[in-house]
Structure formats: C-alpha cells, structure tokens
Amino acid sequence: MHNSIKYISGGLILLIFALKPLNAATVSLSERQGPPGSIIKVPLNFRDVAKIAGAEFLIKYDPALLEFVSVSRSTFTEDFILASQNEDDRVAVSIARSAGLQAAKGILLYLNFRIRLSAQTGTSTELAIVSFKLYDSDGNILNAVSEHGLLKITGIVVYPNPITPNEDGFNDYANFVVPDSISGSVTVKIYSITGSKVREFSGINHSTLQWDGRDENGNMLRPGPYIYIVQSENKTLSNGTVTIMY
C-alpha cells in the first residue's frame, strides 16, 4: 500500500513537470508600481520565441483604477507597423513587419496607463492577456503561453534602488516621486541603519525629491542600506530602505 502511494505521488510529480515544460515560450506583462496620477509604462515581454514578425494581443484592465494612454514600440519593434484600439476595459494591439526578429527574448511593446487620482494606495490591479497570437514571416502561428501582469498602487515611488552616486550620470540619485494626490510640503528623512539621522530635505506640492547619497555636511556616505521616511504634515506617507553601492 505504501509503495503504491509513493508510486502515485512520483507519477503526479512527473506529470506536473511534463505539463509545464522548462523554458517554455512565453509572453508576459511585467509587474509595475506607481502613485495615483502617475503614468506607468508596462513592458510586454517575449521569451524563448524566435522569428516573431507579427503579433496580436487583447489585454484587459480595470478602468476604475487605470486610464489607457497609449501603446509604444520598444527598441526591438521600432520599425514594426503598430495599431491599437481601446474600448471599455480592453486594449487590442497588433504589430507586423516583413521579417522576423532575430532576438528570442526582449520587450515587444510598452502599454502606458495613467493611475487615476481616485485610486486607493495599497491596492493592486491585474493586467490580463485575454488572448494573443504570434506569427512568423510566413504567417505561421508560433506557440507560446502567457503570463498576466500586476500593477501596484503606492503612495510614494523610490527609484532607482540601489543608487551608485559616483557622478557617472547613471543612478546617481534616489528619486522620491510625490503623487499629484498629495499636496503641501513633503519631507524626506534619511537615517543610518543604527537610527542616526544623516539627511533631511523637503519639497512642495507635486515634485520629485532627490537624494545624492550625501549627509547634511555634503559628505558622501558609506555603502550600505539607509532607512528613509517620507512625511507630510507630520504624517508618514512611506518608509523603507534605499541602498548606496559603488
């Protein structure tokens, strides 16, 4: 009896792996986050799919939380013909060109949405690929599976993280993006991991506050994680860690 159970369990595991092959060809929507009022650029990715010359997608979203803005090409599809149509809670997108892509992995398109000001922070909404077709240059359908995306609505967005403040023009500053729904003065306080405050700076109304990795005296801080607290009218809007790397 026990041997039978082991055999059945092993057979089920083998069946699961057989039904879900590794490195399956996939199209997917990335997970993104942003505050109310912001425009979010959501990549539509492809992986392990070669020779894509055309594609059709039908994508569903929640119009109570998101406003569709546009679809834009990526560097992989900048010379593709692009067409899109938005109706109610769905966006239909198609792209095509005469020759297939040489790359088997990358970003096909960007779906651009504005998070409505009425959206409640802390919530999330699914971006679902309802249906899709991929074609090669001969019109043959390419097999793939799809993965839905998730858009999280946050109060404050902090990017990039980590930062590398070495003045090379890349990731030198941590940007604290304040959403349109927050009015008045916003203050960012930076603390060491031991709890000592090393920097404080403020901005008014809808702005992006930047931190250059320095303390109050202009000295560059050591690499490692630092705690941030974002406040408005003595109320904490967001907190977390941002890391300095060199």
Protein backbone atom coordinates (compact mmCIF):
# COMPACT_ATOMS: atom_id res chain seq x y z
CA MET A 1 0.00 0.00 0.00
CA HIS A 2 2.74 2.45 0.96
CA ASN A 3 4.70 1.58 -2.16
CA SER A 4 1.61 2.32 -4.28
CA ILE A 5 1.21 5.73 -2.69
CA LYS A 6 4.86 6.54 -3.37
CA TYR A 7 4.47 5.41 -6.98
CA ILE A 8 1.33 7.54 -7.47
CA SER A 9 2.99 10.60 -5.88
CA GLY A 10 6.05 10.20 -8.06
CA GLY A 11 3.87 9.80 -11.12
CA LEU A 12 1.97 13.00 -10.31
CA ILE A 13 5.23 14.93 -9.94
CA LEU A 14 6.44 13.65 -13.30
CA LEU A 15 3.09 14.55 -14.86
CA ILE A 16 3.26 18.11 -13.49
CA PHE A 17 6.72 18.59 -14.96
CA ALA A 18 5.54 17.15 -18.26
CA LEU A 19 2.59 19.55 -18.39
CA LYS A 20 4.75 22.59 -17.54
CA PRO A 21 7.99 22.31 -19.52
CA LEU A 22 11.01 24.30 -18.50
CA ASN A 23 11.99 27.26 -20.73
CA ALA A 24 8.51 27.43 -22.28
CA ALA A 25 7.99 30.14 -24.89
CA THR A 26 6.24 32.96 -23.05
CA VAL A 27 4.69 36.39 -23.49
CA SER A 28 4.18 38.31 -20.27
CA LEU A 29 3.32 41.67 -18.72
CA SER A 30 5.79 42.94 -16.11
CA GLU A 31 4.83 43.90 -12.58
CA ARG A 32 4.95 47.66 -12.01
CA GLN A 33 4.01 50.16 -9.29
CA GLY A 34 3.23 53.84 -9.04
CA PRO A 35 1.27 56.51 -7.17
CA PRO A 36 -2.16 57.93 -8.13
CA GLY A 37 -1.90 60.41 -11.01
CA SER A 38 1.29 58.92 -12.46
CA ILE A 39 1.78 57.37 -15.90
CA ILE A 40 3.11 53.82 -15.76
CA LYS A 41 4.95 52.15 -18.63
CA VAL A 42 4.27 48.39 -18.57
CA PRO A 43 6.56 46.19 -20.73
CA LEU A 44 5.02 43.38 -22.77
CA ASN A 45 7.82 40.82 -22.88
CA PHE A 46 8.64 37.78 -25.01
CA ARG A 47 10.95 34.93 -24.02
CA ASP A 48 12.22 31.89 -25.92
CA VAL A 49 10.21 32.83 -29.01
CA ALA A 50 12.20 33.19 -32.24
CA LYS A 51 11.38 34.86 -35.58
CA ILE A 52 8.40 36.99 -34.45
CA ALA A 53 7.19 39.01 -37.44
CA GLY A 54 3.68 39.81 -36.23
CA ALA A 55 1.57 39.70 -33.10
CA GLU A 56 -1.96 40.38 -31.88
CA PHE A 57 -2.90 40.98 -28.25
CA LEU A 58 -6.12 41.64 -26.36
CA ILE A 59 -5.38 42.98 -22.88
CA LYS A 60 -7.91 43.63 -20.13
CA TYR A 61 -7.54 46.24 -17.38
CA ASP A 62 -9.68 47.89 -14.69
CA PRO A 63 -10.89 51.30 -15.99
CA ALA A 64 -11.95 52.29 -12.46
CA LEU A 65 -8.28 52.36 -11.46
CA LEU A 66 -6.47 52.90 -14.77
CA GLU A 67 -6.84 55.20 -17.75
CA PHE A 68 -5.37 53.88 -21.01
CA VAL A 69 -2.91 56.37 -22.55
CA SER A 70 -1.11 54.71 -25.46
CA VAL A 71 0.92 51.79 -26.78
CA SER A 72 4.54 52.44 -27.77
CA ARG A 73 7.20 50.42 -29.56
CA SER A 74 10.35 49.05 -27.97
CA THR A 75 13.84 49.07 -29.47
CA PHE A 76 13.08 45.58 -30.83
CA THR A 77 9.95 46.72 -32.70
CA GLU A 78 10.74 50.34 -33.62
CA ASP A 79 10.36 49.53 -37.35
CA PHE A 80 7.15 47.46 -36.94
CA ILE A 81 3.75 48.73 -38.06
CA LEU A 82 1.74 49.33 -34.89
CA ALA A 83 -2.02 49.63 -34.46
CA SER A 84 -4.09 49.78 -31.28
CA GLN A 85 -7.68 50.31 -30.23
CA ASN A 86 -9.08 50.88 -26.76
CA GLU A 87 -12.69 50.14 -25.83
CA ASP A 88 -14.22 49.93 -22.36
CA ASP A 89 -11.84 47.75 -20.33
CA ARG A 90 -9.75 46.26 -23.16
CA VAL A 91 -6.91 47.25 -25.44
CA ALA A 92 -6.38 45.49 -28.79
CA VAL A 93 -2.85 45.76 -30.18
CA SER A 94 -1.26 44.44 -33.37
CA ILE A 95 2.26 44.75 -34.81
CA ALA A 96 3.79 43.48 -38.06
CA ARG A 97 6.74 43.68 -40.41
CA SER A 98 8.04 41.54 -43.29
CA ALA A 99 10.98 39.92 -41.47
CA GLY A 100 11.04 38.14 -38.13
CA LEU A 101 13.03 39.26 -35.09
CA GLN A 102 16.45 37.72 -34.65
CA ALA A 103 16.25 38.02 -30.86
CA ALA A 104 14.38 35.33 -28.94
CA LYS A 105 13.97 37.43 -25.78
CA GLY A 106 13.14 41.06 -25.08
CA ILE A 107 10.34 43.64 -24.95
CA LEU A 108 7.79 43.78 -27.77
CA LEU A 109 5.77 46.80 -26.65
CA TYR A 110 5.01 49.18 -23.80
CA LEU A 111 1.45 49.67 -22.55
CA ASN A 112 1.08 53.11 -20.99
CA PHE A 113 -1.57 53.71 -18.32
CA ARG A 114 -2.35 56.61 -16.01
CA ILE A 115 -3.30 55.63 -12.47
CA ARG A 116 -6.47 57.54 -11.61
CA LEU A 117 -6.31 60.08 -8.80
CA SER A 118 -9.21 58.27 -7.13
CA ALA A 119 -7.21 55.02 -6.91
CA GLN A 120 -6.56 53.96 -3.33
CA THR A 121 -2.94 53.47 -2.36
CA GLY A 122 -2.03 49.99 -1.19
CA THR A 123 -4.29 48.28 -3.71
CA SER A 124 -3.29 46.41 -6.85
CA THR A 125 -4.91 45.53 -10.15
CA GLU A 126 -4.28 42.78 -12.69
CA LEU A 127 -3.39 43.39 -16.32
CA ALA A 128 -4.59 40.25 -18.11
CA ILE A 129 -3.61 38.95 -21.55
CA VAL A 130 -7.06 37.73 -22.61
CA SER A 131 -5.86 36.34 -25.95
CA PHE A 132 -2.86 36.60 -28.26
CA LYS A 133 -1.29 35.24 -31.45
CA LEU A 134 2.31 35.35 -32.61
CA TYR A 135 3.30 34.91 -36.26
CA ASP A 136 6.50 34.29 -38.20
CA SER A 137 7.23 35.94 -41.58
CA ASP A 138 5.34 33.14 -43.43
CA GLY A 139 2.19 33.67 -41.38
CA ASN A 140 2.66 30.53 -39.28
CA ILE A 141 1.49 30.72 -35.67
CA LEU A 142 4.24 30.49 -33.05
CA ASN A 143 3.37 28.56 -29.91
CA ALA A 144 3.70 30.28 -26.53
CA VAL A 145 1.98 30.67 -23.17
CA SER A 146 1.00 33.94 -21.48
CA GLU A 147 1.54 35.39 -18.01
CA HIS A 148 -0.54 38.24 -16.61
CA GLY A 149 0.90 41.37 -15.02
CA LEU A 150 0.21 43.24 -11.80
CA LEU A 151 0.16 46.98 -11.18
CA LYS A 152 0.50 48.08 -7.55
CA ILE A 153 -0.74 51.49 -6.45
CA THR A 154 1.67 53.05 -3.99
CA GLY A 155 1.86 56.35 -2.18
CA ILE A 156 5.50 57.14 -2.95
CA VAL A 157 7.77 55.58 -5.56
CA VAL A 158 11.51 55.45 -4.88
CA TYR A 159 13.86 54.70 -7.77
CA PRO A 160 16.45 53.59 -8.62
CA ASN A 161 17.33 51.39 -5.70
CA PRO A 162 20.22 50.82 -5.14
CA ILE A 163 21.92 54.05 -6.18
CA THR A 164 25.54 54.47 -7.29
CA PRO A 165 26.42 58.15 -6.57
CA ASN A 166 29.77 58.19 -8.39
CA GLU A 167 28.82 61.08 -10.71
CA ASP A 168 28.91 58.96 -13.88
CA GLY A 169 25.40 60.06 -14.84
CA PHE A 170 23.78 56.71 -14.09
CA ASN A 171 21.76 56.05 -10.93
CA ASP A 172 23.48 58.91 -9.10
CA TYR A 173 20.30 59.99 -7.29
CA ALA A 174 17.44 58.32 -5.44
CA ASN A 175 14.20 59.88 -6.73
CA PHE A 176 11.26 60.15 -4.34
CA VAL A 177 8.23 60.66 -6.60
CA VAL A 178 5.36 62.51 -4.90
CA PRO A 179 1.92 61.79 -6.46
CA ASP A 180 -0.49 64.53 -7.53
CA SER A 181 -2.92 63.48 -4.81
CA ILE A 182 -0.53 64.71 -2.08
CA SER A 183 -0.50 68.48 -1.57
CA GLY A 184 1.59 70.71 0.63
CA SER A 185 5.14 70.21 1.85
CA VAL A 186 6.71 66.74 1.77
CA THR A 187 9.80 65.90 3.82
CA VAL A 188 12.23 63.03 3.33
CA LYS A 189 14.34 61.93 6.29
CA ILE A 190 17.31 59.60 5.81
CA TYR A 191 18.68 57.52 8.71
CA SER A 192 21.62 55.19 9.09
CA ILE A 193 20.83 51.57 9.83
CA THR A 194 21.61 52.30 13.50
CA GLY A 195 18.94 55.03 13.63
CA SER A 196 21.02 58.22 13.37
CA LYS A 197 19.54 60.88 11.07
CA VAL A 198 22.01 61.75 8.32
CA ARG A 199 19.94 63.92 5.97
CA GLU A 200 16.61 65.76 5.71
CA PHE A 201 15.17 67.62 2.71
CA SER A 202 11.75 68.90 1.61
CA GLY A 203 9.70 69.79 -1.47
CA ILE A 204 6.37 71.50 -2.05
CA ASN A 205 3.39 70.04 -3.93
CA HIS A 206 3.79 67.72 -6.91
CA SER A 207 7.51 67.20 -7.26
CA THR A 208 10.29 64.64 -7.32
CA LEU A 209 12.70 64.91 -4.41
CA GLN A 210 16.26 63.68 -4.96
CA TRP A 211 18.93 62.34 -2.63
CA ASP A 212 22.54 62.27 -3.78
CA GLY A 213 23.85 59.85 -1.15
CA ARG A 214 25.41 62.62 0.96
CA ASP A 215 24.88 63.68 4.57
CA GLU A 216 23.89 67.13 5.87
CA ASN A 217 27.50 68.36 5.53
CA GLY A 218 27.84 67.26 1.91
CA ASN A 219 30.00 64.24 2.72
CA MET A 220 29.47 61.07 0.68
CA LEU A 221 28.07 58.31 2.88
CA ARG A 222 29.44 54.81 3.11
CA PRO A 223 27.96 51.97 1.01
CA GLY A 224 25.09 50.06 2.57
CA PRO A 225 21.35 50.34 3.32
CA TYR A 226 19.79 53.52 4.71
CA ILE A 227 16.30 53.98 6.12
CA TYR A 228 14.02 56.62 4.60
CA ILE A 229 10.81 58.11 5.96
CA VAL A 230 8.58 60.32 3.78
CA GLN A 231 6.22 62.62 5.70
CA SER A 232 3.64 65.31 5.00
CA GLU A 233 2.04 67.37 7.77
CA ASN A 234 3.73 65.09 10.32
CA LYS A 235 2.03 62.04 8.79
CA THR A 236 4.17 59.19 7.45
CA LEU A 237 3.39 58.52 3.79
CA SER A 238 6.02 55.88 3.11
CA ASN A 239 9.08 54.26 4.59
CA GLY A 240 11.65 51.69 3.58
CA THR A 241 15.32 51.34 2.72
CA VAL A 242 17.49 52.66 -0.10
CA THR A 243 20.97 51.25 -0.64
CA ILE A 244 24.19 53.00 -1.67
CA MET A 245 26.60 50.98 -3.83
CA TYR A 246 29.85 51.84 -5.61
